[in-house]
Amino acid sequence: MKGKRYSPEQIVKILREAEKAESAREVIRRYDITEQTFCRWKKVYAGMEVPDIKRLKAIMEENLRLKRLVADLALKISLLEEVNSKKW
């Protein structure tokens, strides 16, 4: 799988450039991205500034950490219930 080509900061810069340009197609062609990618970026990053992106990144990392924590706890609970359910 191909890695990410553009950082979120670069994406915001590209979106701002597309807003100022006469047509978004010129910007899409210049940066060699598809219209689908451009629309997805616009949906996610529209109206964001660089500090907002840093905050979003931090929130996403925290969310991932919490999801892992919940998954680990669910596994431990499941194992303890299995051990407890056996008749000795």
C-alpha atoms as a PDB file:
ATOM      1  CA  MET A   1       0.000   0.000   0.000  1.00  0.00           C
ATOM      2  CA  LYS A   2       1.199   3.460  -0.856  1.00  0.00           C
ATOM      3  CA  GLY A   3       2.097   5.806   1.989  1.00  0.00           C
ATOM      4  CA  LYS A   4       0.603   9.243   2.500  1.00  0.00           C
ATOM      5  CA  ARG A   5       1.982  11.844   0.133  1.00  0.00           C
ATOM      6  CA  TYR A   6       0.708  14.956   1.833  1.00  0.00           C
ATOM      7  CA  SER A   7       0.638  15.966   5.475  1.00  0.00           C
ATOM      8  CA  PRO A   8      -2.525  17.566   6.869  1.00  0.00           C
ATOM      9  CA  GLU A   9      -0.754  20.930   6.896  1.00  0.00           C
ATOM     10  CA  GLN A  10       0.030  20.570   3.184  1.00  0.00           C
ATOM     11  CA  ILE A  11      -3.568  19.546   2.490  1.00  0.00           C
ATOM     12  CA  VAL A  12      -4.867  22.736   4.127  1.00  0.00           C
ATOM     13  CA  LYS A  13      -2.425  24.758   2.016  1.00  0.00           C
ATOM     14  CA  ILE A  14      -3.648  23.024  -1.157  1.00  0.00           C
ATOM     15  CA  LEU A  15      -7.304  23.634  -0.242  1.00  0.00           C
ATOM     16  CA  ARG A  16      -6.630  27.330   0.395  1.00  0.00           C
ATOM     17  CA  GLU A  17      -4.847  27.565  -2.936  1.00  0.00           C
ATOM     18  CA  ALA A  18      -7.834  25.924  -4.646  1.00  0.00           C
ATOM     19  CA  GLU A  19     -10.185  28.488  -3.060  1.00  0.00           C
ATOM     20  CA  LYS A  20      -8.108  31.352  -4.472  1.00  0.00           C
ATOM     21  CA  ALA A  21      -7.573  29.793  -7.911  1.00  0.00           C
ATOM     22  CA  GLU A  22      -9.995  30.261 -10.783  1.00  0.00           C
ATOM     23  CA  SER A  23     -10.718  26.552 -10.912  1.00  0.00           C
ATOM     24  CA  ALA A  24      -9.978  23.684  -8.592  1.00  0.00           C
ATOM     25  CA  ARG A  25      -9.082  21.499 -11.570  1.00  0.00           C
ATOM     26  CA  GLU A  26      -5.880  23.481 -12.104  1.00  0.00           C
ATOM     27  CA  VAL A  27      -4.800  22.849  -8.527  1.00  0.00           C
ATOM     28  CA  ILE A  28      -5.803  19.175  -8.753  1.00  0.00           C
ATOM     29  CA  ARG A  29      -3.718  18.781 -11.894  1.00  0.00           C
ATOM     30  CA  ARG A  30      -0.754  20.684 -10.427  1.00  0.00           C
ATOM     31  CA  TYR A  31      -0.567  18.472  -7.342  1.00  0.00           C
ATOM     32  CA  ASP A  32      -1.433  15.280  -9.252  1.00  0.00           C
ATOM     33  CA  ILE A  33      -4.396  14.236  -7.107  1.00  0.00           C
ATOM     34  CA  THR A  34      -7.792  12.895  -8.096  1.00  0.00           C
ATOM     35  CA  GLU A  35     -11.039  14.820  -7.802  1.00  0.00           C
ATOM     36  CA  GLN A  36     -12.265  12.187  -5.355  1.00  0.00           C
ATOM     37  CA  THR A  37      -9.263  12.790  -3.105  1.00  0.00           C
ATOM     38  CA  PHE A  38      -9.767  16.545  -3.338  1.00  0.00           C
ATOM     39  CA  CYS A  39     -13.449  16.235  -2.360  1.00  0.00           C
ATOM     40  CA  ARG A  40     -12.578  13.944   0.564  1.00  0.00           C
ATOM     41  CA  TRP A  41      -9.938  16.415   1.770  1.00  0.00           C
ATOM     42  CA  LYS A  42     -12.425  19.247   1.437  1.00  0.00           C
ATOM     43  CA  LYS A  43     -14.980  17.307   3.459  1.00  0.00           C
ATOM     44  CA  VAL A  44     -12.511  16.618   6.282  1.00  0.00           C
ATOM     45  CA  TYR A  45     -10.288  19.709   6.333  1.00  0.00           C
ATOM     46  CA  ALA A  46     -12.544  22.512   5.036  1.00  0.00           C
ATOM     47  CA  GLY A  47     -12.275  25.636   7.162  1.00  0.00           C
ATOM     48  CA  MET A  48      -9.451  24.303   9.326  1.00  0.00           C
ATOM     49  CA  GLU A  49      -6.293  26.114  10.288  1.00  0.00           C
ATOM     50  CA  VAL A  50      -2.944  24.522  11.207  1.00  0.00           C
ATOM     51  CA  PRO A  51      -3.602  24.672  15.001  1.00  0.00           C
ATOM     52  CA  ASP A  52      -6.963  22.973  14.424  1.00  0.00           C
ATOM     53  CA  ILE A  53      -5.231  20.165  12.569  1.00  0.00           C
ATOM     54  CA  LYS A  54      -2.732  19.655  15.367  1.00  0.00           C
ATOM     55  CA  ARG A  55      -5.601  19.482  17.856  1.00  0.00           C
ATOM     56  CA  LEU A  56      -7.485  17.035  15.595  1.00  0.00           C
ATOM     57  CA  LYS A  57      -4.395  14.846  15.343  1.00  0.00           C
ATOM     58  CA  ALA A  58      -3.999  14.834  19.136  1.00  0.00           C
ATOM     59  CA  ILE A  59      -7.659  13.945  19.611  1.00  0.00           C
ATOM     60  CA  MET A  60      -7.404  11.098  17.086  1.00  0.00           C
ATOM     61  CA  GLU A  61      -4.333   9.687  18.859  1.00  0.00           C
ATOM     62  CA  GLU A  62      -6.104   9.888  22.232  1.00  0.00           C
ATOM     63  CA  ASN A  63      -9.162   8.195  20.746  1.00  0.00           C
ATOM     64  CA  LEU A  64      -7.009   5.362  19.389  1.00  0.00           C
ATOM     65  CA  ARG A  65      -5.337   4.916  22.779  1.00  0.00           C
ATOM     66  CA  LEU A  66      -8.710   4.767  24.531  1.00  0.00           C
ATOM     67  CA  LYS A  67     -10.076   2.244  22.026  1.00  0.00           C
ATOM     68  CA  ARG A  68      -7.088  -0.025  22.655  1.00  0.00           C
ATOM     69  CA  LEU A  69      -7.582   0.346  26.408  1.00  0.00           C
ATOM     70  CA  VAL A  70     -11.254  -0.628  26.138  1.00  0.00           C
ATOM     71  CA  ALA A  71     -10.412  -3.612  23.928  1.00  0.00           C
ATOM     72  CA  ASP A  72      -7.794  -4.838  26.420  1.00  0.00           C
ATOM     73  CA  LEU A  73     -10.206  -4.468  29.332  1.00  0.00           C
ATOM     74  CA  ALA A  74     -12.969  -6.286  27.436  1.00  0.00           C
ATOM     75  CA  LEU A  75     -10.570  -9.161  26.744  1.00  0.00           C
ATOM     76  CA  LYS A  76      -9.541  -9.371  30.404  1.00  0.00           C
ATOM     77  CA  ILE A  77     -13.173  -9.331  31.536  1.00  0.00           C
ATOM     78  CA  SER A  78     -14.017 -12.053  29.052  1.00  0.00           C
ATOM     79  CA  LEU A  79     -11.162 -14.252  30.281  1.00  0.00           C
ATOM     80  CA  LEU A  80     -12.094 -13.715  33.939  1.00  0.00           C
ATOM     81  CA  GLU A  81     -15.734 -14.580  33.241  1.00  0.00           C
ATOM     82  CA  GLU A  82     -14.652 -17.754  31.458  1.00  0.00           C
ATOM     83  CA  VAL A  83     -12.473 -18.820  34.368  1.00  0.00           C
ATOM     84  CA  ASN A  84     -15.215 -17.947  36.878  1.00  0.00           C
ATOM     85  CA  SER A  85     -17.901 -19.873  35.014  1.00  0.00           C
ATOM     86  CA  LYS A  86     -16.127 -23.241  35.338  1.00  0.00           C
ATOM     87  CA  LYS A  87     -17.323 -25.434  38.160  1.00  0.00           C
ATOM     88  CA  TRP A  88     -14.550 -26.683  40.393  1.00  0.00           C
END
